[in-house]
PDB file of N, CA and C in Angstrom:
ATOM      1  N   MET A   1      19.635  20.983  27.871  1.00  0.00           N
ATOM      2  CA  MET A   1      19.308  19.431  28.059  1.00  0.00           C
ATOM      3  C   MET A   1      17.783  19.100  27.955  1.00  0.00           C
ATOM      4  N   LYS A   2      16.946  20.030  28.258  1.00  0.00           N
ATOM      5  CA  LYS A   2      15.693  19.817  28.090  1.00  0.00           C
ATOM      6  C   LYS A   2      15.223  19.686  26.562  1.00  0.00           C
ATOM      7  N   ALA A   3      15.946  20.474  25.780  1.00  0.00           N
ATOM      8  CA  ALA A   3      15.711  20.542  24.332  1.00  0.00           C
ATOM      9  C   ALA A   3      16.086  19.246  23.711  1.00  0.00           C
ATOM     10  N   ILE A   4      17.059  18.679  24.198  1.00  0.00           N
ATOM     11  CA  ILE A   4      17.692  17.438  23.582  1.00  0.00           C
ATOM     12  C   ILE A   4      16.753  16.271  24.071  1.00  0.00           C
ATOM     13  N   THR A   5      16.225  16.240  25.205  1.00  0.00           N
ATOM     14  CA  THR A   5      15.322  15.217  25.682  1.00  0.00           C
ATOM     15  C   THR A   5      14.038  15.345  24.789  1.00  0.00           C
ATOM     16  N   LEU A   6      13.453  16.560  24.541  1.00  0.00           N
ATOM     17  CA  LEU A   6      12.290  16.752  23.891  1.00  0.00           C
ATOM     18  C   LEU A   6      12.546  16.255  22.383  1.00  0.00           C
ATOM     19  N   ALA A   7      13.757  16.665  21.792  1.00  0.00           N
ATOM     20  CA  ALA A   7      14.039  16.086  20.444  1.00  0.00           C
ATOM     21  C   ALA A   7      14.182  14.529  20.394  1.00  0.00           C
ATOM     22  N   LEU A   8      14.673  13.900  21.308  1.00  0.00           N
ATOM     23  CA  LEU A   8      14.692  12.472  21.383  1.00  0.00           C
ATOM     24  C   LEU A   8      13.340  11.928  21.378  1.00  0.00           C
ATOM     25  N   LEU A   9      12.445  12.383  22.238  1.00  0.00           N
ATOM     26  CA  LEU A   9      11.171  11.884  22.485  1.00  0.00           C
ATOM     27  C   LEU A   9      10.371  11.961  21.214  1.00  0.00           C
ATOM     28  N   ALA A  10      10.551  13.200  20.498  1.00  0.00           N
ATOM     29  CA  ALA A  10       9.787  13.431  19.253  1.00  0.00           C
ATOM     30  C   ALA A  10      10.217  12.423  18.100  1.00  0.00           C
ATOM     31  N   GLY A  11      11.469  12.154  18.229  1.00  0.00           N
ATOM     32  CA  GLY A  11      12.068  11.043  17.132  1.00  0.00           C
ATOM     33  C   GLY A  11      11.601   9.816  17.507  1.00  0.00           C
ATOM     34  N   ILE A  12      11.589   9.526  18.614  1.00  0.00           N
ATOM     35  CA  ILE A  12      10.996   8.133  19.115  1.00  0.00           C
ATOM     36  C   ILE A  12       9.412   8.045  18.615  1.00  0.00           C
ATOM     37  N   ALA A  13       8.789   9.052  18.718  1.00  0.00           N
ATOM     38  CA  ALA A  13       7.303   9.037  18.505  1.00  0.00           C
ATOM     39  C   ALA A  13       7.148   8.872  17.082  1.00  0.00           C
ATOM     40  N   LEU A  14       7.901   9.654  16.256  1.00  0.00           N
ATOM     41  CA  LEU A  14       7.678   9.618  14.836  1.00  0.00           C
ATOM     42  C   LEU A  14       8.217   8.357  14.280  1.00  0.00           C
ATOM     43  N   ALA A  15       9.090   7.694  14.843  1.00  0.00           N
ATOM     44  CA  ALA A  15       9.544   6.344  14.456  1.00  0.00           C
ATOM     45  C   ALA A  15       8.493   5.339  14.292  1.00  0.00           C
ATOM     46  N   GLY A  16       7.455   5.508  15.118  1.00  0.00           N
ATOM     47  CA  GLY A  16       6.377   4.453  15.304  1.00  0.00           C
ATOM     48  C   GLY A  16       5.317   4.686  14.324  1.00  0.00           C
ATOM     49  N   VAL A  17       5.303   5.832  13.569  1.00  0.00           N
ATOM     50  CA  VAL A  17       4.270   6.300  12.710  1.00  0.00           C
ATOM     51  C   VAL A  17       4.237   5.323  11.367  1.00  0.00           C
ATOM     52  N   ALA A  18       3.127   4.765  11.014  1.00  0.00           N
ATOM     53  CA  ALA A  18       2.974   3.948   9.937  1.00  0.00           C
ATOM     54  C   ALA A  18       3.146   4.971   8.622  1.00  0.00           C
ATOM     55  N   ARG A  19       3.819   4.404   7.673  1.00  0.00           N
ATOM     56  CA  ARG A  19       3.922   5.240   6.454  1.00  0.00           C
ATOM     57  C   ARG A  19       3.237   4.494   5.378  1.00  0.00           C
ATOM     58  N   ALA A  20       2.513   5.231   4.625  1.00  0.00           N
ATOM     59  CA  ALA A  20       1.707   4.718   3.640  1.00  0.00           C
ATOM     60  C   ALA A  20       2.331   5.163   2.227  1.00  0.00           C
ATOM     61  N   ASP A  21       2.423   4.353   1.280  1.00  0.00           N
ATOM     62  CA  ASP A  21       2.926   4.687  -0.074  1.00  0.00           C
ATOM     63  C   ASP A  21       1.717   4.501  -1.110  1.00  0.00           C
ATOM     64  N   GLN A  22       1.971   5.038  -2.395  1.00  0.00           N
ATOM     65  CA  GLN A  22       0.988   4.841  -3.409  1.00  0.00           C
ATOM     66  C   GLN A  22       1.661   4.356  -4.690  1.00  0.00           C
ATOM     67  N   MET A  23       0.950   3.636  -5.519  1.00  0.00           N
ATOM     68  CA  MET A  23       1.449   3.306  -6.786  1.00  0.00           C
ATOM     69  C   MET A  23       0.301   3.405  -7.690  1.00  0.00           C
ATOM     70  N   SER A  24       0.599   3.865  -8.871  1.00  0.00           N
ATOM     71  CA  SER A  24      -0.490   3.935  -9.874  1.00  0.00           C
ATOM     72  C   SER A  24      -0.154   3.190 -11.210  1.00  0.00           C
ATOM     73  N   GLY A  25      -1.118   2.643 -11.905  1.00  0.00           N
ATOM     74  CA  GLY A  25      -0.682   1.940 -13.141  1.00  0.00           C
ATOM     75  C   GLY A  25      -2.047   1.087 -13.532  1.00  0.00           C
ATOM     76  N   THR A  26      -1.604   0.370 -14.601  1.00  0.00           N
ATOM     77  CA  THR A  26      -2.759  -0.608 -15.028  1.00  0.00           C
ATOM     78  C   THR A  26      -2.544  -2.031 -14.680  1.00  0.00           C
ATOM     79  N   ILE A  27      -3.607  -2.559 -14.201  1.00  0.00           N
ATOM     80  CA  ILE A  27      -3.584  -4.081 -13.858  1.00  0.00           C
ATOM     81  C   ILE A  27      -3.362  -4.913 -14.927  1.00  0.00           C
ATOM     82  N   LYS A  28      -2.350  -5.819 -14.629  1.00  0.00           N
ATOM     83  CA  LYS A  28      -2.040  -6.943 -15.682  1.00  0.00           C
ATOM     84  C   LYS A  28      -2.821  -8.136 -15.239  1.00  0.00           C
ATOM     85  N   SER A  29      -2.968  -8.500 -13.956  1.00  0.00           N
ATOM     86  CA  SER A  29      -3.667  -9.676 -13.603  1.00  0.00           C
ATOM     87  C   SER A  29      -4.114  -9.419 -12.139  1.00  0.00           C
ATOM     88  N   VAL A  30      -5.169 -10.260 -11.807  1.00  0.00           N
ATOM     89  CA  VAL A  30      -5.510 -10.325 -10.423  1.00  0.00           C
ATOM     90  C   VAL A  30      -5.678 -11.812  -9.918  1.00  0.00           C
ATOM     91  N   ASP A  31      -4.989 -12.107  -8.959  1.00  0.00           N
ATOM     92  CA  ASP A  31      -4.980 -13.524  -8.527  1.00  0.00           C
ATOM     93  C   ASP A  31      -5.797 -13.633  -7.249  1.00  0.00           C
ATOM     94  N   MET A  32      -6.963 -14.094  -7.454  1.00  0.00           N
ATOM     95  CA  MET A  32      -7.945 -14.092  -6.171  1.00  0.00           C
ATOM     96  C   MET A  32      -7.378 -15.058  -5.099  1.00  0.00           C
ATOM     97  N   LYS A  33      -6.801 -16.296  -5.418  1.00  0.00           N
ATOM     98  CA  LYS A  33      -6.448 -17.258  -4.453  1.00  0.00           C
ATOM     99  C   LYS A  33      -5.320 -16.643  -3.640  1.00  0.00           C
ATOM    100  N   LYS A  34      -4.225 -15.848  -4.224  1.00  0.00           N
ATOM    101  CA  LYS A  34      -3.094 -15.348  -3.459  1.00  0.00           C
ATOM    102  C   LYS A  34      -3.500 -14.008  -2.979  1.00  0.00           C
ATOM    103  N   HIS A  35      -4.714 -13.484  -3.299  1.00  0.00           N
ATOM    104  CA  HIS A  35      -5.188 -12.084  -3.108  1.00  0.00           C
ATOM    105  C   HIS A  35      -3.982 -10.991  -3.391  1.00  0.00           C
ATOM    106  N   MET A  36      -3.711 -11.221  -4.784  1.00  0.00           N
ATOM    107  CA  MET A  36      -2.548 -10.294  -5.221  1.00  0.00           C
ATOM    108  C   MET A  36      -2.784  -9.622  -6.565  1.00  0.00           C
ATOM    109  N   ILE A  37      -2.325  -8.456  -6.872  1.00  0.00           N
ATOM    110  CA  ILE A  37      -2.529  -7.881  -8.011  1.00  0.00           C
ATOM    111  C   ILE A  37      -1.172  -7.596  -8.577  1.00  0.00           C
ATOM    112  N   THR A  38      -1.056  -7.917  -9.942  1.00  0.00           N
ATOM    113  CA  THR A  38       0.183  -7.596 -10.631  1.00  0.00           C
ATOM    114  C   THR A  38      -0.024  -6.493 -11.720  1.00  0.00           C
ATOM    115  N   MET A  39       0.763  -5.553 -11.628  1.00  0.00           N
ATOM    116  CA  MET A  39       0.644  -4.350 -12.591  1.00  0.00           C
ATOM    117  C   MET A  39       1.434  -4.502 -13.864  1.00  0.00           C
ATOM    118  N   GLN A  40       1.049  -3.725 -14.987  1.00  0.00           N
ATOM    119  CA  GLN A  40       1.633  -3.936 -16.236  1.00  0.00           C
ATOM    120  C   GLN A  40       3.148  -3.729 -16.138  1.00  0.00           C
ATOM    121  N   ASP A  41       3.585  -2.928 -15.138  1.00  0.00           N
ATOM    122  CA  ASP A  41       5.105  -2.746 -15.188  1.00  0.00           C
ATOM    123  C   ASP A  41       5.867  -3.723 -14.393  1.00  0.00           C
ATOM    124  N   GLY A  42       5.150  -4.860 -13.865  1.00  0.00           N
ATOM    125  CA  GLY A  42       5.671  -6.030 -13.256  1.00  0.00           C
ATOM    126  C   GLY A  42       5.605  -5.928 -11.774  1.00  0.00           C
ATOM    127  N   MET A  43       5.188  -4.898 -11.098  1.00  0.00           N
ATOM    128  CA  MET A  43       5.108  -4.770  -9.759  1.00  0.00           C
ATOM    129  C   MET A  43       3.927  -5.554  -9.370  1.00  0.00           C
ATOM    130  N   SER A  44       4.064  -6.212  -8.174  1.00  0.00           N
ATOM    131  CA  SER A  44       3.011  -7.058  -7.595  1.00  0.00           C
ATOM    132  C   SER A  44       2.745  -6.619  -6.166  1.00  0.00           C
ATOM    133  N   VAL A  45       1.502  -6.650  -5.712  1.00  0.00           N
ATOM    134  CA  VAL A  45       1.239  -6.246  -4.319  1.00  0.00           C
ATOM    135  C   VAL A  45       0.153  -7.256  -3.815  1.00  0.00           C
ATOM    136  N   MET A  46       0.366  -7.757  -2.638  1.00  0.00           N
ATOM    137  CA  MET A  46      -0.695  -8.601  -1.983  1.00  0.00           C
ATOM    138  C   MET A  46      -1.725  -7.483  -1.273  1.00  0.00           C
ATOM    139  N   ALA A  47      -2.841  -7.805  -1.295  1.00  0.00           N
ATOM    140  CA  ALA A  47      -3.850  -6.983  -0.565  1.00  0.00           C
ATOM    141  C   ALA A  47      -4.369  -7.624   0.746  1.00  0.00           C
ATOM    142  N   GLY A  48      -4.620  -6.808   1.692  1.00  0.00           N
ATOM    143  CA  GLY A  48      -5.166  -7.244   2.867  1.00  0.00           C
ATOM    144  C   GLY A  48      -6.431  -7.877   2.615  1.00  0.00           C
ATOM    145  N   LYS A  49      -6.888  -8.693   3.607  1.00  0.00           N
ATOM    146  CA  LYS A  49      -8.154  -9.508   3.428  1.00  0.00           C
ATOM    147  C   LYS A  49      -9.379  -8.627   3.370  1.00  0.00           C
ATOM    148  N   HIS A  50      -9.312  -7.371   3.886  1.00  0.00           N
ATOM    149  CA  HIS A  50     -10.419  -6.614   3.803  1.00  0.00           C
ATOM    150  C   HIS A  50     -10.665  -5.817   2.465  1.00  0.00           C
ATOM    151  N   VAL A  51      -9.640  -5.944   1.726  1.00  0.00           N
ATOM    152  CA  VAL A  51      -9.722  -5.286   0.393  1.00  0.00           C
ATOM    153  C   VAL A  51     -10.403  -6.297  -0.666  1.00  0.00           C
ATOM    154  N   MET A  52     -11.459  -5.798  -1.222  1.00  0.00           N
ATOM    155  CA  MET A  52     -12.253  -6.612  -2.020  1.00  0.00           C
ATOM    156  C   MET A  52     -11.624  -6.664  -3.471  1.00  0.00           C
ATOM    157  N   LEU A  53     -11.283  -7.721  -4.057  1.00  0.00           N
ATOM    158  CA  LEU A  53     -10.492  -7.706  -5.290  1.00  0.00           C
ATOM    159  C   LEU A  53     -11.399  -7.961  -6.373  1.00  0.00           C
ATOM    160  N   ASP A  54     -12.576  -8.552  -6.174  1.00  0.00           N
ATOM    161  CA  ASP A  54     -13.500  -8.879  -7.297  1.00  0.00           C
ATOM    162  C   ASP A  54     -14.089  -7.719  -8.112  1.00  0.00           C
ATOM    163  N   HIS A  55     -13.768  -6.549  -7.621  1.00  0.00           N
ATOM    164  CA  HIS A  55     -14.215  -5.310  -8.435  1.00  0.00           C
ATOM    165  C   HIS A  55     -13.125  -4.819  -9.483  1.00  0.00           C
ATOM    166  N   TYR A  56     -12.004  -5.508  -9.547  1.00  0.00           N
ATOM    167  CA  TYR A  56     -10.926  -5.046 -10.388  1.00  0.00           C
ATOM    168  C   TYR A  56     -10.573  -6.295 -11.329  1.00  0.00           C
ATOM    169  N   MET A  57     -10.219  -5.717 -12.512  1.00  0.00           N
ATOM    170  CA  MET A  57      -9.717  -6.733 -13.538  1.00  0.00           C
ATOM    171  C   MET A  57      -8.578  -6.148 -14.545  1.00  0.00           C
ATOM    172  N   LYS A  58      -8.054  -7.064 -15.279  1.00  0.00           N
ATOM    173  CA  LYS A  58      -6.957  -6.709 -16.257  1.00  0.00           C
ATOM    174  C   LYS A  58      -7.394  -5.381 -17.051  1.00  0.00           C
ATOM    175  N   GLY A  59      -6.491  -4.541 -17.178  1.00  0.00           N
ATOM    176  CA  GLY A  59      -6.906  -3.370 -17.960  1.00  0.00           C
ATOM    177  C   GLY A  59      -7.264  -2.107 -17.106  1.00  0.00           C
ATOM    178  N   ASP A  60      -7.861  -2.228 -15.834  1.00  0.00           N
ATOM    179  CA  ASP A  60      -8.218  -1.259 -14.975  1.00  0.00           C
ATOM    180  C   ASP A  60      -6.951  -0.378 -14.658  1.00  0.00           C
ATOM    181  N   ASN A  61      -7.267   0.858 -14.657  1.00  0.00           N
ATOM    182  CA  ASN A  61      -6.135   1.891 -14.325  1.00  0.00           C
ATOM    183  C   ASN A  61      -6.446   2.269 -12.846  1.00  0.00           C
ATOM    184  N   VAL A  62      -5.582   1.955 -11.879  1.00  0.00           N
ATOM    185  CA  VAL A  62      -5.896   2.122 -10.409  1.00  0.00           C
ATOM    186  C   VAL A  62      -4.692   2.896  -9.666  1.00  0.00           C
ATOM    187  N   THR A  63      -5.101   3.300  -8.610  1.00  0.00           N
ATOM    188  CA  THR A  63      -4.142   3.798  -7.640  1.00  0.00           C
ATOM    189  C   THR A  63      -4.227   2.948  -6.375  1.00  0.00           C
ATOM    190  N   ILE A  64      -3.061   2.339  -5.971  1.00  0.00           N
ATOM    191  CA  ILE A  64      -3.040   1.388  -4.778  1.00  0.00           C
ATOM    192  C   ILE A  64      -2.280   2.089  -3.667  1.00  0.00           C
ATOM    193  N   THR A  65      -2.907   2.105  -2.532  1.00  0.00           N
ATOM    194  CA  THR A  65      -2.265   2.661  -1.265  1.00  0.00           C
ATOM    195  C   THR A  65      -1.828   1.351  -0.589  1.00  0.00           C
ATOM    196  N   THR A  66      -0.599   1.409   0.017  1.00  0.00           N
ATOM    197  CA  THR A  66      -0.055   0.389   0.787  1.00  0.00           C
ATOM    198  C   THR A  66       0.348   0.845   2.029  1.00  0.00           C
ATOM    199  N   ASP A  67       0.554  -0.053   3.061  1.00  0.00           N
ATOM    200  CA  ASP A  67       0.968   0.202   4.409  1.00  0.00           C
ATOM    201  C   ASP A  67       2.445   0.067   4.443  1.00  0.00           C
ATOM    202  N   LYS A  68       2.885   0.112   5.836  1.00  0.00           N
ATOM    203  CA  LYS A  68       4.317   0.052   5.956  1.00  0.00           C
ATOM    204  C   LYS A  68       5.026  -1.337   5.664  1.00  0.00           C
ATOM    205  N   ASP A  69       4.098  -2.323   5.561  1.00  0.00           N
ATOM    206  CA  ASP A  69       4.459  -3.692   5.144  1.00  0.00           C
ATOM    207  C   ASP A  69       4.222  -4.026   3.678  1.00  0.00           C
ATOM    208  N   HIS A  70       3.925  -2.860   2.989  1.00  0.00           N
ATOM    209  CA  HIS A  70       3.712  -3.017   1.477  1.00  0.00           C
ATOM    210  C   HIS A  70       2.529  -3.880   1.076  1.00  0.00           C
ATOM    211  N   MET A  71       1.630  -3.902   2.006  1.00  0.00           N
ATOM    212  CA  MET A  71       0.291  -4.540   1.668  1.00  0.00           C
ATOM    213  C   MET A  71      -0.747  -3.576   1.336  1.00  0.00           C
ATOM    214  N   ALA A  72      -1.529  -3.816   0.268  1.00  0.00           N
ATOM    215  CA  ALA A  72      -2.366  -3.055  -0.278  1.00  0.00           C
ATOM    216  C   ALA A  72      -3.593  -2.770   0.754  1.00  0.00           C
ATOM    217  N   THR A  73      -3.890  -1.515   1.025  1.00  0.00           N
ATOM    218  CA  THR A  73      -4.954  -1.283   2.074  1.00  0.00           C
ATOM    219  C   THR A  73      -6.187  -0.630   1.295  1.00  0.00           C
ATOM    220  N   LYS A  74      -5.963  -0.084   0.099  1.00  0.00           N
ATOM    221  CA  LYS A  74      -7.031   0.710  -0.613  1.00  0.00           C
ATOM    222  C   LYS A  74      -6.546   0.638  -2.030  1.00  0.00           C
ATOM    223  N   ILE A  75      -7.707   0.452  -2.964  1.00  0.00           N
ATOM    224  CA  ILE A  75      -7.468   0.339  -4.337  1.00  0.00           C
ATOM    225  C   ILE A  75      -8.562   1.305  -4.995  1.00  0.00           C
ATOM    226  N   VAL A  76      -8.207   2.200  -5.709  1.00  0.00           N
ATOM    227  CA  VAL A  76      -9.166   3.173  -6.424  1.00  0.00           C
ATOM    228  C   VAL A  76      -8.988   3.061  -7.887  1.00  0.00           C
ATOM    229  N   LYS A  77     -10.175   2.965  -8.591  1.00  0.00           N
ATOM    230  CA  LYS A  77     -10.060   2.952 -10.126  1.00  0.00           C
ATOM    231  C   LYS A  77      -9.892   4.405 -10.469  1.00  0.00           C
ATOM    232  N   LYS A  78      -9.171   4.783 -11.562  1.00  0.00           N
ATOM    233  CA  LYS A  78      -9.018   6.001 -11.991  1.00  0.00           C
ATOM    234  C   LYS A  78     -10.271   6.383 -12.955  1.00  0.00           C
TER     235      LYS A  78
END
């Protein structure tokens, strides 16, 4: 019984962990008003307000890290 309780508690704890994803590719456009980047493959991602988009432009090859809500939290030029 103790093992089942521990397993359930561990499952609940892990369910709350934020999951980050990454995408890589070439920037097609940067929309400063919408705070959004569109990639050459058609994928678009909104960036958090703390992410400075003025460093990125069409043609840049980047890796974008997103949070559990699919908002960009980090952008790195390759």
